[in-house]
N, C-alpha and C. Protein backbone atom coordinates (compact mmCIF):
# COMPACT_ATOMS: atom_id res chain seq x y z
N UNK A 1 130.37 70.97 98.31
CA UNK A 1 131.05 71.58 97.66
C UNK A 1 132.54 72.65 98.27
N UNK A 2 133.48 72.54 96.92
CA UNK A 2 135.13 73.24 97.22
C UNK A 2 134.83 74.02 96.91
N UNK A 3 135.55 75.01 97.71
CA UNK A 3 135.73 76.38 97.38
C UNK A 3 135.95 76.77 96.13
N UNK A 4 135.53 77.40 94.98
CA UNK A 4 135.98 78.35 94.18
C UNK A 4 136.90 79.01 94.19
N UNK A 5 137.82 78.96 93.52
CA UNK A 5 139.07 79.87 92.81
C UNK A 5 138.62 81.05 91.37
N UNK A 6 139.93 81.68 90.81
CA UNK A 6 139.78 81.97 90.39
C UNK A 6 140.06 81.04 88.95
N UNK A 7 140.71 79.94 89.46
CA UNK A 7 140.93 78.84 88.96
C UNK A 7 140.86 77.96 88.76
N UNK A 8 139.00 78.34 88.74
CA UNK A 8 137.67 77.69 88.93
C UNK A 8 137.26 77.89 87.62
N UNK A 9 137.03 76.52 85.89
CA UNK A 9 136.43 76.96 85.25
C UNK A 9 135.09 78.21 85.69
N UNK A 10 135.37 78.73 84.63
CA UNK A 10 133.57 80.28 84.17
C UNK A 10 132.27 79.10 83.97
N UNK A 11 132.55 78.17 83.76
CA UNK A 11 130.41 77.77 84.14
C UNK A 11 130.51 77.03 84.92
N UNK A 12 131.24 77.13 85.85
CA UNK A 12 131.21 76.43 87.37
C UNK A 12 130.86 77.76 88.27
N UNK A 13 132.02 78.48 88.13
CA UNK A 13 131.31 79.95 89.33
C UNK A 13 130.40 80.46 88.29
N UNK A 14 129.48 80.44 87.42
CA UNK A 14 128.73 80.94 86.65
C UNK A 14 126.96 80.27 86.96
N UNK A 15 127.49 78.92 88.08
CA UNK A 15 126.58 77.63 88.66
C UNK A 15 126.27 78.06 89.85
N UNK A 16 127.45 78.72 90.69
CA UNK A 16 127.80 79.21 91.85
C UNK A 16 127.11 80.10 91.90
N UNK A 17 127.01 81.05 91.02
CA UNK A 17 126.64 82.35 91.16
C UNK A 17 124.38 82.49 90.94
N UNK A 18 124.30 81.70 89.96
CA UNK A 18 123.03 81.44 89.57
C UNK A 18 122.04 80.28 90.69
N UNK A 19 122.43 79.58 91.79
CA UNK A 19 122.27 79.11 92.94
C UNK A 19 122.23 80.03 93.68
N UNK A 20 123.20 80.75 93.75
CA UNK A 20 123.74 81.90 95.26
C UNK A 20 122.68 82.60 94.75
N UNK A 21 121.69 83.07 93.66
CA UNK A 21 120.21 84.18 93.13
C UNK A 21 121.11 85.05 92.77
N UNK A 22 121.82 85.41 92.36
CA UNK A 22 122.51 85.99 91.31
C UNK A 22 123.05 87.37 92.25
N UNK A 23 122.78 87.83 93.12
CA UNK A 23 122.90 88.66 93.82
C UNK A 23 122.55 90.38 93.44
N UNK A 24 123.67 91.42 92.97
CA UNK A 24 122.81 92.62 92.47
C UNK A 24 122.38 92.07 91.02
N UNK A 25 122.73 91.44 90.17
CA UNK A 25 122.05 91.46 88.94
C UNK A 25 120.68 90.36 89.39
N UNK A 26 120.33 90.28 89.98
CA UNK A 26 119.20 89.90 90.16
C UNK A 26 117.26 91.25 90.07
N UNK A 27 116.57 90.27 89.87
CA UNK A 27 115.61 90.53 89.13
C UNK A 27 115.03 90.28 87.61
N UNK A 28 113.72 91.35 87.39
CA UNK A 28 113.41 91.35 85.67
C UNK A 28 114.48 91.68 84.79
N UNK A 29 114.83 93.49 86.01
CA UNK A 29 115.70 94.90 85.16
C UNK A 29 117.49 94.32 84.52
N UNK A 30 117.30 93.11 84.90
CA UNK A 30 118.73 92.93 85.17
C UNK A 30 118.91 91.77 83.99
N UNK A 31 117.77 91.06 83.67
CA UNK A 31 117.92 89.64 83.05
C UNK A 31 118.26 89.45 82.28
N UNK A 32 119.08 91.12 81.19
CA UNK A 32 119.57 90.61 79.62
C UNK A 32 120.97 90.61 80.27
N UNK A 33 121.71 91.34 81.05
CA UNK A 33 122.22 91.41 81.59
C UNK A 33 123.40 89.78 82.03
N UNK A 34 121.95 89.11 82.53
CA UNK A 34 122.38 88.06 82.95
C UNK A 34 122.56 86.75 81.68
N UNK A 35 121.43 87.54 80.81
CA UNK A 35 122.06 86.31 79.74
C UNK A 35 123.13 86.63 78.49
N UNK A 36 124.12 87.75 79.32
CA UNK A 36 125.07 87.95 78.47
C UNK A 36 126.10 87.50 78.71
N UNK A 37 126.14 87.52 80.01
CA UNK A 37 127.09 86.94 81.06
C UNK A 37 127.21 85.31 80.53
N UNK A 38 125.55 85.05 80.55
CA UNK A 38 126.26 83.39 79.99
C UNK A 38 126.49 83.25 79.17
N UNK A 39 125.94 84.58 77.76
CA UNK A 39 126.52 83.97 76.42
C UNK A 39 127.94 83.82 76.50
N UNK A 40 128.50 85.03 77.22
CA UNK A 40 130.09 84.61 77.12
C UNK A 40 130.35 83.70 77.68
N UNK A 41 130.16 83.01 78.70
CA UNK A 41 130.60 81.43 79.84
C UNK A 41 130.66 80.78 78.22
N UNK A 42 129.40 80.56 77.45
CA UNK A 42 129.38 79.93 76.40
C UNK A 42 129.86 79.65 75.64
N UNK A 43 130.32 81.01 75.21
CA UNK A 43 131.34 81.45 74.26
C UNK A 43 133.05 81.47 73.86
N UNK A 44 133.07 81.26 75.32
CA UNK A 44 134.76 81.53 75.92
C UNK A 44 135.17 80.67 76.10
N UNK A 45 136.62 80.06 76.11
CA UNK A 45 136.37 79.49 76.67
C UNK A 45 136.92 78.74 78.35
N UNK A 46 136.24 78.03 79.16
CA UNK A 46 135.66 78.25 79.89
C UNK A 46 136.83 77.78 81.27
N UNK A 47 138.30 77.46 80.38
CA UNK A 47 139.14 77.50 81.57
C UNK A 47 139.76 78.78 81.90
N UNK A 48 140.44 79.79 80.86
CA UNK A 48 140.73 81.27 81.01
C UNK A 48 139.45 81.82 81.39
N UNK A 49 138.19 81.95 80.10
CA UNK A 49 136.86 82.89 80.29
C UNK A 49 137.80 84.15 79.59
N UNK A 50 138.94 83.77 78.42
CA UNK A 50 138.71 85.31 78.21
C UNK A 50 138.90 84.71 76.29
N UNK A 51 138.95 85.60 75.66
CA UNK A 51 138.97 85.26 73.96
C UNK A 51 138.60 86.29 72.97
N UNK A 52 138.19 85.73 71.58
CA UNK A 52 137.73 87.24 70.96
C UNK A 52 136.67 86.52 70.79
N UNK A 53 135.18 87.84 70.07
CA UNK A 53 133.91 87.56 70.38
C UNK A 53 133.64 88.82 69.28
N UNK A 54 132.50 88.38 68.47
CA UNK A 54 131.67 89.24 68.48
C UNK A 54 130.53 89.93 68.42
N UNK A 55 129.87 91.08 68.50
CA UNK A 55 128.93 91.62 69.18
C UNK A 55 127.19 90.56 68.16
N UNK A 56 128.30 90.33 67.00
CA UNK A 56 126.76 88.88 66.59
C UNK A 56 126.99 87.78 66.68
N UNK A 57 127.88 87.16 67.45
CA UNK A 57 128.08 86.11 67.96
C UNK A 57 126.89 85.96 69.04
N UNK A 58 127.38 87.31 70.57
CA UNK A 58 127.06 87.41 71.15
C UNK A 58 125.08 87.34 71.22
N UNK A 59 124.55 87.93 70.00
CA UNK A 59 123.68 88.47 69.75
C UNK A 59 123.20 86.81 69.37
N UNK A 60 123.81 86.27 68.86
CA UNK A 60 122.77 84.56 68.05
C UNK A 60 122.93 83.67 69.36
N UNK A 61 124.10 83.85 70.91
CA UNK A 61 124.79 82.91 71.74
C UNK A 61 123.27 83.71 72.86
N UNK A 62 122.52 84.74 72.71
CA UNK A 62 121.94 85.40 74.11
C UNK A 62 120.11 84.76 73.41
N UNK A 63 119.90 85.70 72.35
CA UNK A 63 119.25 85.71 71.69
C UNK A 63 118.65 87.16 71.68
N UNK A 64 119.16 87.88 72.06
CA UNK A 64 118.81 89.28 71.96
C UNK A 64 119.54 90.05 71.01
N UNK A 65 119.14 91.73 70.59
CA UNK A 65 119.58 92.31 69.44
C UNK A 65 121.16 92.77 69.88
N UNK A 66 122.04 93.32 68.86
CA UNK A 66 123.28 93.50 69.17
C UNK A 66 123.63 95.06 69.43
N UNK A 67 122.35 95.53 69.46
CA UNK A 67 122.23 97.02 69.84
C UNK A 67 122.58 97.26 71.52
N UNK A 68 121.03 95.87 71.69
CA UNK A 68 121.65 95.03 73.17
C UNK A 68 122.20 94.53 74.01
N UNK A 69 122.93 94.00 73.11
CA UNK A 69 124.31 93.14 73.26
C UNK A 69 125.71 94.23 73.58
N UNK A 70 125.76 95.23 72.60
CA UNK A 70 126.37 96.17 73.30
C UNK A 70 126.13 96.81 74.74
N UNK A 71 125.45 97.33 74.99
CA UNK A 71 124.67 97.76 76.10
C UNK A 71 124.98 97.42 77.40
N UNK A 72 124.45 95.81 77.17
CA UNK A 72 124.52 94.99 78.50
C UNK A 72 126.25 94.56 78.79
N UNK A 73 127.09 94.88 77.72
CA UNK A 73 128.45 94.51 77.91
C UNK A 73 128.93 95.48 78.07
N UNK A 74 128.34 97.29 78.38
CA UNK A 74 128.71 97.81 78.77
C UNK A 74 128.58 98.47 80.44
N UNK A 75 127.45 97.66 80.70
CA UNK A 75 126.83 97.42 82.00
C UNK A 75 128.05 96.73 82.47
N UNK A 76 128.08 95.26 82.11
CA UNK A 76 129.22 93.94 82.93
C UNK A 76 130.45 95.07 82.65
N UNK A 77 131.30 95.76 81.85
CA UNK A 77 131.83 96.19 82.04
C UNK A 77 132.18 97.20 83.41
N UNK A 78 131.09 97.77 83.33
CA UNK A 78 130.55 99.04 84.30
C UNK A 78 131.01 98.59 85.80
N UNK A 79 130.58 98.00 86.16
CA UNK A 79 130.10 96.30 87.06
C UNK A 79 131.39 95.90 87.59
N UNK A 80 132.73 95.91 86.16
CA UNK A 80 134.21 95.16 86.83
C UNK A 80 133.76 93.91 86.74
N UNK A 81 132.35 93.34 85.93
CA UNK A 81 132.32 91.64 85.76
C UNK A 81 133.14 91.47 83.99
N UNK A 82 133.27 92.16 83.79
CA UNK A 82 134.31 91.51 81.85
C UNK A 82 135.34 92.95 81.99
N UNK A 83 136.19 93.10 80.81
CA UNK A 83 137.30 93.67 80.88
C UNK A 83 137.24 93.53 79.13
N UNK A 84 136.69 94.73 78.33
CA UNK A 84 136.57 95.03 77.46
C UNK A 84 136.97 95.48 76.46
N UNK A 85 137.94 94.41 75.57
CA UNK A 85 138.80 95.59 74.61
C UNK A 85 138.19 95.79 73.18
N UNK A 86 137.29 97.14 72.92
CA UNK A 86 137.20 96.29 71.55
C UNK A 86 137.42 96.78 70.44
N UNK A 87 136.39 95.88 69.66
CA UNK A 87 137.09 95.39 67.84
C UNK A 87 136.55 96.94 67.44
N UNK A 88 137.20 96.34 65.96
CA UNK A 88 136.53 97.60 65.18
C UNK A 88 136.74 97.19 63.95
N UNK A 89 137.43 98.32 63.00
CA UNK A 89 137.92 97.91 61.72
C UNK A 89 139.33 98.55 61.66
N UNK A 90 140.42 97.20 60.87
CA UNK A 90 141.99 97.85 60.96
C UNK A 90 142.81 97.69 60.05
N UNK A 91 142.64 98.42 58.91
CA UNK A 91 143.06 98.41 58.12
C UNK A 91 142.26 97.70 56.81
N UNK A 92 141.05 98.40 57.78
CA UNK A 92 139.94 97.86 56.68
C UNK A 92 139.39 96.54 57.05
N UNK A 93 139.91 96.35 57.71
CA UNK A 93 139.20 94.67 57.95
C UNK A 93 138.79 94.31 59.89
N UNK A 94 137.05 94.31 60.12
CA UNK A 94 136.82 93.78 61.26
C UNK A 94 137.60 93.07 62.27
N UNK A 95 137.93 93.99 62.91
CA UNK A 95 138.55 92.99 63.92
C UNK A 95 137.83 92.43 65.61
N UNK A 96 137.06 90.94 65.98
CA UNK A 96 136.80 91.29 67.06
C UNK A 96 136.89 91.63 68.01
N UNK A 97 136.39 92.33 68.92
CA UNK A 97 136.41 92.34 70.25
C UNK A 97 137.51 91.04 70.89
N UNK A 98 138.21 91.40 72.08
CA UNK A 98 138.29 90.43 72.96
C UNK A 98 138.58 90.92 74.61
N UNK A 99 137.37 89.80 74.70
CA UNK A 99 136.81 89.80 76.22
C UNK A 99 137.49 89.18 77.13
N UNK A 100 137.26 89.71 78.18
CA UNK A 100 138.01 88.52 79.39
C UNK A 100 136.82 88.66 80.59
N UNK A 101 136.01 87.58 81.21
CA UNK A 101 135.51 87.68 82.36
C UNK A 101 136.69 87.22 83.24
N UNK A 102 136.12 88.56 84.49
CA UNK A 102 136.99 88.96 85.82
C UNK A 102 136.48 88.01 86.69
N UNK A 103 136.83 86.51 86.64
CA UNK A 103 136.65 85.79 87.45
C UNK A 103 136.39 86.34 88.98
N UNK A 104 137.88 86.60 89.56
CA UNK A 104 137.80 86.96 91.07
C UNK A 104 136.29 87.95 91.10
N UNK A 105 135.87 88.93 89.76
CA UNK A 105 134.95 89.97 90.84
C UNK A 105 133.43 89.32 90.57
N UNK A 106 133.59 88.20 89.79
CA UNK A 106 131.97 87.25 89.72
C UNK A 106 132.04 86.40 91.06
N UNK A 107 133.14 85.89 91.76
CA UNK A 107 133.76 85.08 93.07
C UNK A 107 133.19 86.15 93.85
N UNK A 108 133.70 87.44 93.81
CA UNK A 108 133.34 88.34 95.00
C UNK A 108 131.66 88.70 95.13
N UNK A 109 131.06 88.24 93.76
CA UNK A 109 129.91 89.09 93.38
C UNK A 109 128.47 87.60 94.31
N UNK A 110 129.90 86.11 93.93
CA UNK A 110 129.06 85.25 94.30
C UNK A 110 129.09 84.98 95.52
N UNK A 111 129.67 85.71 96.65
CA UNK A 111 129.58 86.29 98.12
C UNK A 111 128.44 87.29 98.32
N UNK A 112 128.64 88.10 97.72
CA UNK A 112 127.27 88.78 97.94
C UNK A 112 125.84 88.10 97.46
N UNK A 113 126.31 87.37 96.61
CA UNK A 113 124.72 87.38 96.46
C UNK A 113 124.57 86.26 97.70
N UNK A 114 124.71 85.50 97.90
CA UNK A 114 124.48 84.36 98.80
C UNK A 114 124.65 84.45 100.43
N UNK A 115 124.66 85.71 100.31
CA UNK A 115 124.61 87.26 101.85
C UNK A 115 122.93 87.17 101.84
N UNK A 116 122.75 87.95 100.01
CA UNK A 116 121.69 88.13 100.49
C UNK A 116 120.66 87.13 100.06
N UNK A 117 121.15 86.17 99.96
CA UNK A 117 119.41 84.81 99.35
C UNK A 117 119.85 84.47 101.42
N UNK A 118 120.66 84.18 101.19
CA UNK A 118 120.94 83.94 103.39
C UNK A 118 119.44 84.50 103.75
N UNK A 119 119.49 86.19 103.61
CA UNK A 119 119.01 86.88 104.28
C UNK A 119 117.00 87.20 103.83
N UNK A 120 117.38 86.60 102.32
CA UNK A 120 115.98 86.45 102.23
C UNK A 120 114.95 85.04 102.23
N UNK A 121 115.81 84.34 102.30
CA UNK A 121 115.62 82.90 102.94
C UNK A 121 114.78 82.51 104.16
N UNK A 122 115.24 83.50 105.35
CA UNK A 122 116.07 83.11 106.59
C UNK A 122 114.30 84.08 106.48
N UNK A 123 114.13 85.70 105.71
CA UNK A 123 112.70 86.32 106.16
C UNK A 123 111.64 85.39 105.66
N UNK A 124 111.86 84.63 104.42
CA UNK A 124 110.22 83.61 104.29
C UNK A 124 110.22 82.48 105.28
N UNK A 125 111.62 81.86 106.17
CA UNK A 125 110.96 81.80 107.00
C UNK A 125 110.48 81.53 108.33
N UNK A 126 110.79 83.19 108.37
CA UNK A 126 110.35 83.95 109.54
C UNK A 126 108.80 83.89 109.48
N UNK A 127 108.37 84.27 107.98
CA UNK A 127 106.71 84.56 107.67
C UNK A 127 106.02 83.25 107.49
N UNK A 128 106.80 82.31 107.28
CA UNK A 128 106.31 80.98 107.56
C UNK A 128 106.05 80.41 108.88
N UNK A 129 106.92 80.96 109.66
CA UNK A 129 106.24 80.34 110.81
C UNK A 129 105.82 80.99 111.33
N UNK A 130 105.89 82.39 110.82
CA UNK A 130 104.73 83.44 111.62
C UNK A 130 103.08 82.72 111.50
N UNK A 131 103.06 82.16 110.46
CA UNK A 131 101.84 81.46 109.89
C UNK A 131 101.02 80.83 109.86
N UNK A 132 102.05 79.91 110.11
CA UNK A 132 101.39 78.67 110.62
C UNK A 132 102.24 78.22 112.15
N UNK A 133 102.39 79.46 112.78
CA UNK A 133 102.06 78.89 114.66
C UNK A 133 101.32 78.57 115.00
N UNK A 134 99.70 78.71 115.26
CA UNK A 134 99.03 79.01 115.51
C UNK A 134 98.11 77.00 114.72
N UNK A 135 98.25 76.61 113.79
CA UNK A 135 98.10 75.43 113.51
C UNK A 135 98.42 74.52 114.06
N UNK A 136 97.52 73.09 114.44
CA UNK A 136 98.34 72.02 114.81
C UNK A 136 97.88 70.62 113.87
N UNK A 137 97.24 70.89 112.65
CA UNK A 137 97.12 70.03 111.47
C UNK A 137 96.76 70.67 110.62
N UNK A 138 97.52 70.14 109.17
CA UNK A 138 97.18 71.19 108.27
C UNK A 138 96.81 69.96 107.26
N UNK A 139 96.04 69.62 106.20
CA UNK A 139 95.45 68.68 105.59
C UNK A 139 96.35 69.16 104.55
N UNK A 140 96.84 68.78 103.47
CA UNK A 140 96.68 68.65 101.92
C UNK A 140 95.66 68.89 100.73
N UNK A 141 96.13 70.13 99.88
CA UNK A 141 95.25 70.36 99.26
C UNK A 141 93.94 69.64 98.72
N UNK A 142 92.91 69.15 98.73
CA UNK A 142 92.61 68.18 98.62
C UNK A 142 92.23 68.05 96.94
N UNK A 143 92.22 67.11 96.51
CA UNK A 143 92.66 67.00 94.18
C UNK A 143 90.72 66.72 93.78
N UNK A 144 90.72 67.83 93.37
CA UNK A 144 89.00 67.33 92.40
C UNK A 144 89.78 66.50 91.44
N UNK A 145 88.48 65.41 91.89
CA UNK A 145 88.87 64.05 90.61
C UNK A 145 88.73 63.87 89.55
N UNK A 146 89.69 63.75 88.35
CA UNK A 146 89.75 64.08 86.76
C UNK A 146 88.33 63.76 86.49
N UNK A 147 88.11 65.05 85.65
CA UNK A 147 87.16 64.91 84.71
C UNK A 147 86.64 62.88 84.62
N UNK A 148 87.87 62.66 83.87
CA UNK A 148 87.44 61.31 83.32
C UNK A 148 86.45 60.02 84.37
N UNK A 149 87.20 60.18 85.44
CA UNK A 149 87.41 59.36 86.42
C UNK A 149 85.28 59.36 87.40
N UNK A 150 84.84 60.27 86.72
CA UNK A 150 83.46 60.67 86.61
C UNK A 150 82.67 60.16 85.74
N UNK A 151 83.33 59.80 84.56
CA UNK A 151 82.90 59.61 83.59
C UNK A 151 82.47 58.35 83.57
N UNK A 152 83.55 57.90 83.98
CA UNK A 152 83.91 55.81 83.79
C UNK A 152 83.27 56.17 85.29
N UNK A 153 83.04 55.88 86.20
CA UNK A 153 81.54 56.09 87.26
C UNK A 153 80.51 55.98 86.90
N UNK A 154 80.03 56.64 86.01
CA UNK A 154 78.36 57.66 85.75
C UNK A 154 77.99 56.39 85.15
N UNK A 155 78.99 55.44 83.80
CA UNK A 155 79.20 55.37 82.22
C UNK A 155 79.60 53.64 83.23
N UNK A 156 79.01 52.65 82.58
CA UNK A 156 78.82 51.14 82.87
C UNK A 156 80.12 50.70 82.28
N UNK A 157 80.41 49.41 82.43
CA UNK A 157 82.05 49.38 82.44
C UNK A 157 82.46 48.58 81.64
N UNK A 158 82.81 47.82 80.74
CA UNK A 158 83.09 47.04 79.31
C UNK A 158 82.43 45.90 79.73
N UNK A 159 83.18 45.06 81.16
CA UNK A 159 82.04 43.84 81.42
C UNK A 159 80.26 43.75 82.00
N UNK A 160 80.17 44.88 82.13
CA UNK A 160 78.20 44.89 82.56
C UNK A 160 78.08 45.75 81.28
N UNK A 161 77.88 45.64 79.69
CA UNK A 161 77.40 45.66 79.24
C UNK A 161 76.61 45.09 79.06
N UNK A 162 75.17 45.72 78.35
CA UNK A 162 74.32 44.45 78.47
C UNK A 162 74.69 43.23 76.86
N UNK A 163 74.05 42.87 76.75
CA UNK A 163 74.74 41.51 75.84
C UNK A 163 73.21 40.64 75.92
N UNK A 164 73.42 39.96 74.39
CA UNK A 164 71.78 39.30 74.44
C UNK A 164 72.23 37.96 74.81
N UNK A 165 71.10 37.81 75.56
CA UNK A 165 70.84 36.45 76.08
C UNK A 165 71.38 35.36 75.39
N UNK A 166 72.03 34.05 76.58
CA UNK A 166 73.01 33.05 75.51
C UNK A 166 71.49 32.17 75.38
N UNK A 167 71.58 31.13 74.09
CA UNK A 167 70.45 30.58 73.54
C UNK A 167 70.94 28.92 74.01
N UNK A 168 70.19 28.05 73.99
CA UNK A 168 70.96 26.56 74.07
C UNK A 168 71.61 26.85 72.43
N UNK A 169 72.77 25.50 72.52
CA UNK A 169 72.59 25.46 70.71
C UNK A 169 72.63 24.11 70.67
N UNK A 170 70.84 24.20 69.64
CA UNK A 170 70.84 22.90 69.82
C UNK A 170 70.16 22.82 67.75
N UNK A 171 70.50 21.03 67.65
CA UNK A 171 70.59 21.05 65.76
C UNK A 171 69.56 21.54 65.30
N UNK A 172 68.20 21.94 65.50
CA UNK A 172 67.38 22.83 64.35
C UNK A 172 67.49 24.48 64.44
N UNK A 173 67.74 24.77 65.58
CA UNK A 173 68.40 26.56 65.54
C UNK A 173 69.45 26.62 64.80
N UNK A 174 70.47 25.67 64.37
CA UNK A 174 70.84 25.76 63.37
C UNK A 174 71.40 26.43 62.42
N UNK A 175 72.27 26.93 61.68
CA UNK A 175 71.96 27.66 60.39
C UNK A 175 72.69 26.78 59.63
N UNK A 176 73.35 26.79 58.34
CA UNK A 176 73.70 26.11 57.26
C UNK A 176 75.01 26.27 57.55
N UNK A 177 75.64 27.28 57.89
CA UNK A 177 76.81 27.94 57.97
C UNK A 177 77.02 27.48 59.71
N UNK A 178 76.75 26.82 60.66
CA UNK A 178 76.76 26.71 61.75
C UNK A 178 76.93 27.24 62.67
N UNK A 179 75.91 28.55 62.68
CA UNK A 179 75.96 29.77 63.50
C UNK A 179 74.47 29.33 64.72
N UNK A 180 75.20 28.60 65.74
CA UNK A 180 73.93 27.99 67.23
C UNK A 180 73.17 29.09 66.72
N UNK A 181 73.21 29.81 67.00
CA UNK A 181 71.97 30.78 67.69
C UNK A 181 70.25 30.63 66.34
N UNK A 182 71.28 31.03 65.08
CA UNK A 182 70.25 30.36 64.26
C UNK A 182 70.15 31.58 62.90
N UNK A 183 69.27 30.99 62.15
CA UNK A 183 70.28 32.36 60.57
C UNK A 183 69.68 33.88 61.17
N UNK A 184 69.47 34.33 61.82
CA UNK A 184 68.50 35.34 62.16
C UNK A 184 70.38 35.81 62.27
N UNK A 185 71.51 35.34 63.49
CA UNK A 185 72.40 35.82 63.93
C UNK A 185 73.56 35.38 63.12
N UNK A 186 73.53 34.60 61.94
CA UNK A 186 74.19 34.85 61.10
C UNK A 186 74.41 35.68 60.18
N UNK A 187 75.59 36.07 59.74
CA UNK A 187 76.11 37.14 58.84
C UNK A 187 75.98 36.75 57.75
N UNK A 188 76.37 35.31 57.37
CA UNK A 188 75.94 34.99 55.96
C UNK A 188 74.72 35.19 55.42
N UNK A 189 73.75 34.19 56.43
CA UNK A 189 72.53 34.34 56.23
C UNK A 189 71.72 35.14 55.96
N UNK A 190 71.92 36.46 56.88
CA UNK A 190 71.47 38.05 56.93
C UNK A 190 71.57 38.44 55.30
N UNK A 191 73.22 38.25 55.06
CA UNK A 191 73.32 38.74 53.40
C UNK A 191 72.73 38.13 53.02
N UNK A 192 72.02 37.24 52.58
CA UNK A 192 71.31 36.23 51.63
C UNK A 192 70.34 37.06 51.53
N UNK A 193 69.04 37.79 52.74
CA UNK A 193 67.88 37.84 53.06
C UNK A 193 68.24 38.96 52.74
N UNK A 194 66.10 39.65 51.72
CA UNK A 194 66.17 40.89 51.16
C UNK A 194 66.36 42.31 52.22
N UNK A 195 66.36 43.37 51.74
CA UNK A 195 66.70 44.00 52.46
C UNK A 195 65.51 45.01 52.71
């Protein structure tokens, strides 16, 4: 992957941040912050990463309430990941906010996230190595056979269902409709029989 700069599209920078493990904004307590950053990337132009946006638009894109959107935007601004010029009402008209994603700050967060992820992966590897050091051979978990397999094994297959013995066709057993086994097997003859 080529080295990312602040000239890269915001979606590429966000993908890089997500793959690096989100760094300081990882964990369940920051899921709203991550959702807001993603919503900004989706709503703003990819090249510049800046534009006009309203809280209701961000609420629709992120799935959070407008109140939560404003609090997460404040957190992103406090972390230096966005520059937020608040909108409001000017001369009786609503004016949207102007938001710019600080690509340089997000790229710095990518670097921090990569070092945090590398440390976590190395710790995980060490734990796994300690766990398997004494094992010489590990069998995979045996899968329990599906219940339909056991049902199929206990029931006869279609080819082995009991069938009536085949009788030799002889002219004296044949019914008037041409059934070689006789009138007891002929549907037309049985229809005429009294019930």
